[in-house]
Amino acid sequence: MDGVSLRLPTAAWSTMVRAGGLPVYYPPAFFWWWFSFDAYAPGIFMEAAAIATSGGILAIAAAIVMSIIRAREAANVATYRSARWAEDREIHSAGLLGPDGVVLGRCDRDYHVS
């Protein structure tokens, strides 16, 4: 490197861990580095900030799109929250208005029995 040595402050090395031989940095350390070294490399920190911000924006957009898709699917579901009150003709055709049996409920003046 033509006599130029890369020297990072001790604080920078203390935030680094090796995983599989590659350096992995503690993510919040980015903000300390930005504060300390922005004057020396502002373009790099702005690019890193754009990458970090775009990840959050993409995650929010994905959550919104997925919730819209789920809400549209919920309108067609027939297994959950599909219970409803029976109409009079359905009650009569099912024979639930007999004179004896277990009382299930009441419709007008008639009792539902089973």
N, C-alpha and C. Protein backbone atom coordinates (compact mmCIF):
# COMPACT_ATOMS: atom_id res chain seq x y z
N MET A 1 0.81 -1.20 0.00
CA MET A 1 0.00 0.00 0.00
C MET A 1 0.86 1.26 0.00
N ASP A 2 2.04 1.17 -0.54
CA ASP A 2 2.93 2.32 -0.70
C ASP A 2 3.18 3.08 0.59
N GLY A 3 3.44 2.40 1.66
CA GLY A 3 3.80 3.03 2.91
C GLY A 3 2.62 3.59 3.70
N VAL A 4 1.42 3.44 3.21
CA VAL A 4 0.25 3.94 3.93
C VAL A 4 -0.30 2.79 4.77
N SER A 5 -0.48 3.03 6.02
CA SER A 5 -1.04 1.99 6.87
C SER A 5 -2.43 2.40 7.33
N LEU A 6 -3.27 1.42 7.41
CA LEU A 6 -4.64 1.66 7.87
C LEU A 6 -4.65 1.48 9.38
N ARG A 7 -4.92 2.54 10.07
CA ARG A 7 -4.95 2.48 11.53
C ARG A 7 -6.31 2.98 11.99
N LEU A 8 -7.06 2.09 12.60
CA LEU A 8 -8.35 2.47 13.17
C LEU A 8 -8.19 2.65 14.67
N PRO A 9 -8.97 3.51 15.25
CA PRO A 9 -8.89 3.68 16.71
C PRO A 9 -9.25 2.38 17.43
N THR A 10 -8.80 2.27 18.64
CA THR A 10 -9.06 1.08 19.44
C THR A 10 -10.55 0.83 19.58
N ALA A 11 -11.34 1.88 19.67
CA ALA A 11 -12.79 1.72 19.81
C ALA A 11 -13.38 1.00 18.61
N ALA A 12 -12.83 1.26 17.42
CA ALA A 12 -13.34 0.59 16.22
C ALA A 12 -13.04 -0.91 16.26
N TRP A 13 -11.86 -1.28 16.66
CA TRP A 13 -11.51 -2.70 16.72
C TRP A 13 -12.25 -3.42 17.84
N SER A 14 -12.60 -2.70 18.90
CA SER A 14 -13.31 -3.36 20.00
C SER A 14 -14.75 -3.69 19.64
N THR A 15 -15.28 -3.08 18.58
CA THR A 15 -16.65 -3.38 18.16
C THR A 15 -16.68 -4.47 17.09
N MET A 16 -15.52 -5.00 16.71
CA MET A 16 -15.45 -5.99 15.65
C MET A 16 -15.31 -7.39 16.24
N VAL A 17 -16.00 -8.34 15.64
CA VAL A 17 -15.92 -9.74 16.00
C VAL A 17 -15.61 -10.51 14.72
N ARG A 18 -14.91 -11.61 14.83
CA ARG A 18 -14.61 -12.41 13.64
C ARG A 18 -15.59 -13.57 13.58
N ALA A 19 -16.22 -13.74 12.41
CA ALA A 19 -17.13 -14.86 12.17
C ALA A 19 -16.70 -15.52 10.88
N GLY A 20 -16.16 -16.71 10.99
CA GLY A 20 -15.68 -17.41 9.79
C GLY A 20 -14.51 -16.69 9.13
N GLY A 21 -13.72 -15.97 9.91
CA GLY A 21 -12.57 -15.27 9.37
C GLY A 21 -12.91 -13.89 8.80
N LEU A 22 -14.17 -13.52 8.76
CA LEU A 22 -14.56 -12.21 8.24
C LEU A 22 -14.93 -11.28 9.38
N PRO A 23 -14.60 -10.00 9.26
CA PRO A 23 -14.96 -9.06 10.32
C PRO A 23 -16.45 -8.76 10.32
N VAL A 24 -17.05 -8.82 11.48
CA VAL A 24 -18.45 -8.48 11.66
C VAL A 24 -18.50 -7.37 12.70
N TYR A 25 -19.14 -6.27 12.36
CA TYR A 25 -19.15 -5.13 13.25
C TYR A 25 -20.48 -5.04 13.99
N TYR A 26 -20.43 -4.54 15.18
CA TYR A 26 -21.62 -4.29 15.99
C TYR A 26 -22.40 -3.17 15.31
N PRO A 27 -23.64 -3.42 14.85
CA PRO A 27 -24.36 -2.44 14.03
C PRO A 27 -24.47 -1.03 14.60
N PRO A 28 -24.78 -0.84 15.89
CA PRO A 28 -24.85 0.54 16.37
C PRO A 28 -23.51 1.28 16.34
N ALA A 29 -22.40 0.55 16.17
CA ALA A 29 -21.10 1.21 16.10
C ALA A 29 -21.03 2.14 14.89
N PHE A 30 -21.85 1.84 13.87
CA PHE A 30 -21.88 2.70 12.68
C PHE A 30 -22.14 4.15 13.06
N PHE A 31 -23.03 4.40 14.01
CA PHE A 31 -23.37 5.78 14.37
C PHE A 31 -22.20 6.48 15.06
N TRP A 32 -21.45 5.73 15.89
CA TRP A 32 -20.28 6.32 16.52
C TRP A 32 -19.21 6.62 15.47
N TRP A 33 -19.05 5.72 14.51
CA TRP A 33 -18.07 5.94 13.46
C TRP A 33 -18.49 7.12 12.60
N TRP A 34 -19.77 7.23 12.30
CA TRP A 34 -20.26 8.34 11.50
C TRP A 34 -19.96 9.66 12.20
N PHE A 35 -20.23 9.69 13.49
CA PHE A 35 -19.97 10.90 14.27
C PHE A 35 -18.48 11.24 14.27
N SER A 36 -17.63 10.24 14.38
CA SER A 36 -16.19 10.46 14.52
C SER A 36 -15.49 10.73 13.19
N PHE A 37 -15.92 10.06 12.10
CA PHE A 37 -15.17 10.10 10.85
C PHE A 37 -15.91 10.72 9.67
N ASP A 38 -17.05 11.35 9.90
CA ASP A 38 -17.82 11.93 8.81
C ASP A 38 -17.03 12.99 8.05
N ALA A 39 -16.22 13.74 8.73
CA ALA A 39 -15.45 14.80 8.07
C ALA A 39 -14.44 14.23 7.08
N TYR A 40 -14.00 12.99 7.30
CA TYR A 40 -12.98 12.38 6.43
C TYR A 40 -13.58 11.63 5.24
N ALA A 41 -14.76 11.09 5.38
CA ALA A 41 -15.37 10.30 4.31
C ALA A 41 -16.88 10.46 4.31
N PRO A 42 -17.38 11.66 4.03
CA PRO A 42 -18.83 11.88 4.11
C PRO A 42 -19.62 11.06 3.09
N GLY A 43 -19.08 10.83 1.91
CA GLY A 43 -19.78 10.06 0.88
C GLY A 43 -20.04 8.63 1.30
N ILE A 44 -19.08 8.01 1.95
CA ILE A 44 -19.24 6.63 2.39
C ILE A 44 -20.34 6.52 3.44
N PHE A 45 -20.36 7.46 4.36
CA PHE A 45 -21.38 7.41 5.41
C PHE A 45 -22.78 7.73 4.88
N MET A 46 -22.87 8.62 3.88
CA MET A 46 -24.17 8.89 3.28
C MET A 46 -24.67 7.67 2.50
N GLU A 47 -23.77 6.97 1.84
CA GLU A 47 -24.15 5.74 1.13
C GLU A 47 -24.62 4.67 2.13
N ALA A 48 -23.90 4.52 3.23
CA ALA A 48 -24.30 3.55 4.25
C ALA A 48 -25.64 3.92 4.87
N ALA A 49 -25.86 5.22 5.08
CA ALA A 49 -27.14 5.66 5.64
C ALA A 49 -28.28 5.38 4.66
N ALA A 50 -28.01 5.57 3.36
CA ALA A 50 -29.04 5.29 2.35
C ALA A 50 -29.37 3.80 2.31
N ILE A 51 -28.35 2.97 2.42
CA ILE A 51 -28.57 1.51 2.43
C ILE A 51 -29.40 1.12 3.65
N ALA A 52 -29.02 1.63 4.81
CA ALA A 52 -29.75 1.29 6.05
C ALA A 52 -31.19 1.80 6.00
N THR A 53 -31.38 3.00 5.50
CA THR A 53 -32.72 3.57 5.42
C THR A 53 -33.58 2.82 4.42
N SER A 54 -33.00 2.46 3.28
CA SER A 54 -33.77 1.74 2.26
C SER A 54 -34.24 0.39 2.78
N GLY A 55 -33.45 -0.25 3.61
CA GLY A 55 -33.88 -1.52 4.20
C GLY A 55 -35.11 -1.35 5.06
N GLY A 56 -35.14 -0.30 5.86
CA GLY A 56 -36.31 -0.04 6.70
C GLY A 56 -37.53 0.33 5.87
N ILE A 57 -37.32 1.14 4.84
CA ILE A 57 -38.44 1.55 3.98
C ILE A 57 -39.00 0.34 3.24
N LEU A 58 -38.12 -0.53 2.73
CA LEU A 58 -38.59 -1.74 2.04
C LEU A 58 -39.36 -2.65 2.99
N ALA A 59 -38.91 -2.76 4.22
CA ALA A 59 -39.62 -3.60 5.19
C ALA A 59 -41.02 -3.05 5.49
N ILE A 60 -41.14 -1.75 5.64
CA ILE A 60 -42.44 -1.14 5.89
C ILE A 60 -43.35 -1.32 4.68
N ALA A 61 -42.82 -1.13 3.47
CA ALA A 61 -43.61 -1.30 2.25
C ALA A 61 -44.09 -2.75 2.12
N ALA A 62 -43.21 -3.71 2.43
CA ALA A 62 -43.59 -5.12 2.36
C ALA A 62 -44.69 -5.43 3.36
N ALA A 63 -44.60 -4.88 4.57
CA ALA A 63 -45.63 -5.12 5.58
C ALA A 63 -46.98 -4.54 5.14
N ILE A 64 -46.97 -3.37 4.53
CA ILE A 64 -48.22 -2.77 4.06
C ILE A 64 -48.83 -3.61 2.93
N VAL A 65 -48.01 -4.00 1.96
CA VAL A 65 -48.51 -4.80 0.84
C VAL A 65 -49.07 -6.13 1.33
N MET A 66 -48.36 -6.78 2.24
CA MET A 66 -48.83 -8.07 2.75
C MET A 66 -50.11 -7.93 3.56
N SER A 67 -50.27 -6.84 4.29
CA SER A 67 -51.51 -6.65 5.05
C SER A 67 -52.68 -6.38 4.11
N ILE A 68 -52.44 -5.68 3.00
CA ILE A 68 -53.50 -5.47 2.01
C ILE A 68 -53.90 -6.78 1.37
N ILE A 69 -52.92 -7.60 1.02
CA ILE A 69 -53.22 -8.90 0.42
C ILE A 69 -54.01 -9.76 1.40
N ARG A 70 -53.60 -9.75 2.65
CA ARG A 70 -54.31 -10.56 3.65
C ARG A 70 -55.73 -10.06 3.87
N ALA A 71 -55.92 -8.75 3.86
CA ALA A 71 -57.26 -8.19 4.06
C ALA A 71 -58.17 -8.57 2.90
N ARG A 72 -57.64 -8.62 1.70
CA ARG A 72 -58.45 -9.01 0.54
C ARG A 72 -58.82 -10.48 0.60
N GLU A 73 -57.90 -11.31 1.10
CA GLU A 73 -58.19 -12.74 1.22
C GLU A 73 -59.22 -12.99 2.32
N ALA A 74 -59.23 -12.17 3.35
CA ALA A 74 -60.14 -12.36 4.49
C ALA A 74 -61.60 -12.21 4.07
N ALA A 75 -61.85 -11.46 3.00
CA ALA A 75 -63.23 -11.28 2.54
C ALA A 75 -63.81 -12.57 1.97
N ASN A 76 -62.95 -13.48 1.54
CA ASN A 76 -63.41 -14.73 0.92
C ASN A 76 -63.37 -15.94 1.85
N VAL A 77 -62.96 -15.76 3.09
CA VAL A 77 -62.81 -16.88 4.01
C VAL A 77 -64.18 -17.35 4.48
N ALA A 78 -64.40 -18.66 4.46
CA ALA A 78 -65.69 -19.21 4.89
C ALA A 78 -65.54 -20.09 6.13
N THR A 79 -64.35 -20.20 6.68
CA THR A 79 -64.16 -21.08 7.82
C THR A 79 -64.06 -20.31 9.14
N TYR A 80 -63.66 -19.10 9.11
CA TYR A 80 -63.48 -18.32 10.33
C TYR A 80 -64.42 -17.13 10.29
N ARG A 81 -65.15 -16.92 11.34
CA ARG A 81 -66.12 -15.84 11.47
C ARG A 81 -67.21 -15.92 10.40
N SER A 82 -67.59 -17.13 10.02
CA SER A 82 -68.64 -17.28 9.01
C SER A 82 -69.99 -17.60 9.63
N ALA A 83 -70.06 -17.68 10.97
CA ALA A 83 -71.33 -17.97 11.63
C ALA A 83 -72.30 -16.80 11.45
N ARG A 84 -73.57 -17.10 11.36
CA ARG A 84 -74.58 -16.07 11.20
C ARG A 84 -75.89 -16.59 11.76
N TRP A 85 -76.86 -15.70 11.93
CA TRP A 85 -78.17 -16.09 12.40
C TRP A 85 -78.94 -16.69 11.22
N ALA A 86 -79.70 -17.75 11.50
CA ALA A 86 -80.49 -18.42 10.46
C ALA A 86 -81.72 -17.59 10.11
N GLU A 87 -82.11 -17.70 8.85
CA GLU A 87 -83.35 -17.07 8.39
C GLU A 87 -84.53 -17.97 8.76
N ASP A 88 -85.72 -17.43 8.80
CA ASP A 88 -86.92 -18.21 9.15
C ASP A 88 -87.10 -19.42 8.24
N ARG A 89 -86.92 -19.24 6.95
CA ARG A 89 -87.11 -20.37 6.03
C ARG A 89 -86.09 -21.48 6.28
N GLU A 90 -84.85 -21.12 6.69
CA GLU A 90 -83.84 -22.13 6.99
C GLU A 90 -84.19 -22.89 8.26
N ILE A 91 -84.75 -22.19 9.23
CA ILE A 91 -85.16 -22.82 10.49
C ILE A 91 -86.28 -23.83 10.24
N HIS A 92 -87.27 -23.41 9.46
CA HIS A 92 -88.41 -24.29 9.16
C HIS A 92 -87.98 -25.49 8.32
N SER A 93 -87.13 -25.27 7.33
CA SER A 93 -86.72 -26.38 6.46
C SER A 93 -85.83 -27.37 7.20
N ALA A 94 -85.13 -26.94 8.24
CA ALA A 94 -84.30 -27.85 9.02
C ALA A 94 -85.11 -28.59 10.07
N GLY A 95 -86.35 -28.20 10.28
CA GLY A 95 -87.21 -28.88 11.25
C GLY A 95 -86.84 -28.58 12.69
N LEU A 96 -86.34 -27.39 12.95
CA LEU A 96 -85.92 -27.04 14.31
C LEU A 96 -87.05 -26.51 15.17
N LEU A 97 -88.25 -26.40 14.65
CA LEU A 97 -89.36 -25.86 15.43
C LEU A 97 -90.33 -26.96 15.85
N GLY A 98 -89.78 -28.09 16.26
CA GLY A 98 -90.61 -29.21 16.70
C GLY A 98 -91.15 -28.98 18.10
N PRO A 99 -92.11 -29.84 18.57
CA PRO A 99 -92.75 -29.67 19.87
C PRO A 99 -91.87 -30.12 21.04
N ASP A 100 -90.85 -30.95 20.83
CA ASP A 100 -90.05 -31.42 21.95
C ASP A 100 -88.59 -31.55 21.52
N GLY A 101 -87.69 -31.70 22.49
CA GLY A 101 -86.25 -31.81 22.25
C GLY A 101 -85.49 -30.78 23.07
N VAL A 102 -84.23 -30.65 22.80
CA VAL A 102 -83.38 -29.69 23.51
C VAL A 102 -83.61 -28.30 22.92
N VAL A 103 -83.83 -27.32 23.77
CA VAL A 103 -84.08 -25.96 23.31
C VAL A 103 -82.74 -25.32 22.92
N LEU A 104 -82.63 -24.92 21.66
CA LEU A 104 -81.41 -24.28 21.18
C LEU A 104 -81.51 -22.76 21.20
N GLY A 105 -82.72 -22.27 21.08
CA GLY A 105 -82.91 -20.82 21.05
C GLY A 105 -84.34 -20.49 20.71
N ARG A 106 -84.60 -19.25 20.36
CA ARG A 106 -85.97 -18.85 20.07
C ARG A 106 -85.99 -17.92 18.87
N CYS A 107 -86.99 -18.09 18.03
CA CYS A 107 -87.21 -17.22 16.88
C CYS A 107 -88.64 -16.71 16.98
N ASP A 108 -88.81 -15.44 17.13
CA ASP A 108 -90.12 -14.82 17.34
C ASP A 108 -90.76 -15.51 18.55
N ARG A 109 -91.89 -16.25 18.33
CA ARG A 109 -92.56 -16.92 19.46
C ARG A 109 -92.28 -18.42 19.47
N ASP A 110 -91.56 -18.91 18.49
CA ASP A 110 -91.26 -20.34 18.41
C ASP A 110 -89.89 -20.64 19.03
N TYR A 111 -89.80 -21.84 19.64
CA TYR A 111 -88.53 -22.29 20.20
C TYR A 111 -87.85 -23.24 19.25
N HIS A 112 -86.51 -23.14 19.18
CA HIS A 112 -85.71 -24.06 18.38
C HIS A 112 -85.39 -25.27 19.26
N VAL A 113 -85.77 -26.45 18.81
CA VAL A 113 -85.46 -27.64 19.58
C VAL A 113 -84.73 -28.64 18.71
N SER A 114 -83.98 -29.50 19.36
CA SER A 114 -83.26 -30.52 18.62
C SER A 114 -83.40 -31.85 19.33
